C-alpha atoms as a PDB file:
ATOM      1  CA  UNK A   1     167.271  -1.677-162.799  1.00  0.00           C
ATOM      2  CA  UNK A   2     168.734  -4.991-163.205  1.00  0.00           C
ATOM      3  CA  UNK A   3     166.982  -7.019-165.762  1.00  0.00           C
ATOM      4  CA  UNK A   4     163.305  -7.322-167.447  1.00  0.00           C
ATOM      5  CA  UNK A   5     161.409 -10.281-165.465  1.00  0.00           C
ATOM      6  CA  UNK A   6     158.311 -10.356-167.798  1.00  0.00           C
ATOM      7  CA  UNK A   7     155.230  -9.191-167.790  1.00  0.00           C
ATOM      8  CA  UNK A   8     151.574  -9.702-166.273  1.00  0.00           C
ATOM      9  CA  UNK A   9     147.782  -8.849-168.355  1.00  0.00           C
ATOM     10  CA  UNK A  10     144.618  -9.087-166.250  1.00  0.00           C
ATOM     11  CA  UNK A  11     141.102  -7.534-166.639  1.00  0.00           C
ATOM     12  CA  UNK A  12     138.966  -5.280-164.360  1.00  0.00           C
ATOM     13  CA  UNK A  13     136.196  -2.984-164.418  1.00  0.00           C
ATOM     14  CA  UNK A  14     136.461   0.597-163.309  1.00  0.00           C
ATOM     15  CA  UNK A  15     133.798   2.828-162.674  1.00  0.00           C
ATOM     16  CA  UNK A  16     131.483   0.279-164.925  1.00  0.00           C
ATOM     17  CA  UNK A  17     134.278   0.299-167.596  1.00  0.00           C
ATOM     18  CA  UNK A  18     136.266  -3.223-168.718  1.00  0.00           C
ATOM     19  CA  UNK A  19     140.087  -2.239-168.352  1.00  0.00           C
ATOM     20  CA  UNK A  20     143.038  -3.946-169.189  1.00  0.00           C
ATOM     21  CA  UNK A  21     146.022  -3.826-166.976  1.00  0.00           C
ATOM     22  CA  UNK A  22     149.616  -4.802-167.944  1.00  0.00           C
ATOM     23  CA  UNK A  23     151.875  -4.902-165.456  1.00  0.00           C
ATOM     24  CA  UNK A  24     156.111  -5.229-166.373  1.00  0.00           C
ATOM     25  CA  UNK A  25     158.175  -6.446-163.953  1.00  0.00           C
ATOM     26  CA  UNK A  26     162.317  -5.972-163.594  1.00  0.00           C
ATOM     27  CA  UNK A  27     164.361  -7.041-161.407  1.00  0.00           C
ATOM     28  CA  UNK A  28     166.027  -3.941-158.936  1.00  0.00           C
ATOM     29  CA  UNK A  29     168.309  -3.613-156.505  1.00  0.00           C
ATOM     30  CA  UNK A  30     167.447  -1.731-152.797  1.00  0.00           C
ATOM     31  CA  UNK A  31     169.775   1.384-153.012  1.00  0.00           C
ATOM     32  CA  UNK A  32     168.407   3.175-149.711  1.00  0.00           C
ATOM     33  CA  UNK A  33     165.630   4.268-147.873  1.00  0.00           C
ATOM     34  CA  UNK A  34     161.850   3.336-147.101  1.00  0.00           C
ATOM     35  CA  UNK A  35     159.300   2.031-149.721  1.00  0.00           C
ATOM     36  CA  UNK A  36     157.019   4.703-150.750  1.00  0.00           C
ATOM     37  CA  UNK A  37     153.476   4.447-151.904  1.00  0.00           C
ATOM     38  CA  UNK A  38     152.176   5.825-154.738  1.00  0.00           C
ATOM     39  CA  UNK A  39     149.048   7.270-156.600  1.00  0.00           C
ATOM     40  CA  UNK A  40     148.275   3.518-157.427  1.00  0.00           C
ATOM     41  CA  UNK A  41     149.858   1.399-154.718  1.00  0.00           C
ATOM     42  CA  UNK A  42     148.283   2.127-150.771  1.00  0.00           C
ATOM     43  CA  UNK A  43     151.349   0.194-149.498  1.00  0.00           C
ATOM     44  CA  UNK A  44     154.889  -0.756-149.811  1.00  0.00           C
ATOM     45  CA  UNK A  45     156.881  -3.105-147.965  1.00  0.00           C
ATOM     46  CA  UNK A  46     160.017  -5.345-147.869  1.00  0.00           C
ATOM     47  CA  UNK A  47     159.180  -9.393-146.623  1.00  0.00           C
ATOM     48  CA  UNK A  48     161.053 -12.634-146.675  1.00  0.00           C
ATOM     49  CA  UNK A  49     160.964 -14.280-149.521  1.00  0.00           C
ATOM     50  CA  UNK A  50     159.443 -17.177-147.498  1.00  0.00           C
ATOM     51  CA  UNK A  51     156.526 -14.734-146.694  1.00  0.00           C
ATOM     52  CA  UNK A  52     155.944 -13.796-150.664  1.00  0.00           C
ATOM     53  CA  UNK A  53     155.668 -17.201-151.424  1.00  0.00           C
ATOM     54  CA  UNK A  54     153.049 -17.241-149.353  1.00  0.00           C
ATOM     55  CA  UNK A  55     150.786 -14.053-149.757  1.00  0.00           C
ATOM     56  CA  UNK A  56     151.063 -14.329-153.504  1.00  0.00           C
ATOM     57  CA  UNK A  57     147.634 -15.725-155.003  1.00  0.00           C
ATOM     58  CA  UNK A  58     147.381 -15.113-158.207  1.00  0.00           C
ATOM     59  CA  UNK A  59     149.187 -17.298-160.950  1.00  0.00           C
ATOM     60  CA  UNK A  60     151.016 -14.600-162.686  1.00  0.00           C
ATOM     61  CA  UNK A  61     152.402 -13.395-159.533  1.00  0.00           C
ATOM     62  CA  UNK A  62     153.859 -16.137-159.094  1.00  0.00           C
ATOM     63  CA  UNK A  63     155.731 -17.027-161.969  1.00  0.00           C
ATOM     64  CA  UNK A  64     157.154 -13.454-162.279  1.00  0.00           C
ATOM     65  CA  UNK A  65     158.310 -13.938-159.206  1.00  0.00           C
ATOM     66  CA  UNK A  66     159.810 -17.512-159.507  1.00  0.00           C
ATOM     67  CA  UNK A  67     162.148 -16.037-162.445  1.00  0.00           C
ATOM     68  CA  UNK A  68     162.825 -13.197-160.381  1.00  0.00           C
ATOM     69  CA  UNK A  69     164.689 -15.855-157.953  1.00  0.00           C
ATOM     70  CA  UNK A  70     166.024 -17.515-160.357  1.00  0.00           C
ATOM     71  CA  UNK A  71     167.637 -14.326-162.442  1.00  0.00           C
ATOM     72  CA  UNK A  72     168.387 -12.765-158.161  1.00  0.00           C
ATOM     73  CA  UNK A  73     170.400 -16.003-158.368  1.00  0.00           C
ATOM     74  CA  UNK A  74     171.651 -15.733-161.408  1.00  0.00           C
ATOM     75  CA  UNK A  75     173.054 -12.541-160.725  1.00  0.00           C
ATOM     76  CA  UNK A  76     173.889 -11.599-157.232  1.00  0.00           C
ATOM     77  CA  UNK A  77     174.036  -8.685-155.430  1.00  0.00           C
ATOM     78  CA  UNK A  78     177.052  -6.335-156.219  1.00  0.00           C
ATOM     79  CA  UNK A  79     179.369  -5.806-153.048  1.00  0.00           C
ATOM     80  CA  UNK A  80     178.261  -2.358-151.443  1.00  0.00           C
END
């Protein structure tokens, strides 16, 4: 984990109940291996920046991604 980016909160309905979801984002550095889905994530993939910018639909997600790019420019990858 390299830095805290921010968080996004939203509401959704699950089994007829209104649920508030909070997602916390961190700037992380890839070390090795393949992205793996989990119980909460159906799929995980790597994409070029240009593709991500086209895929994002929600304002909050777009703002978080923009901040991540700004942080990445300030903290370039460590030599590996």
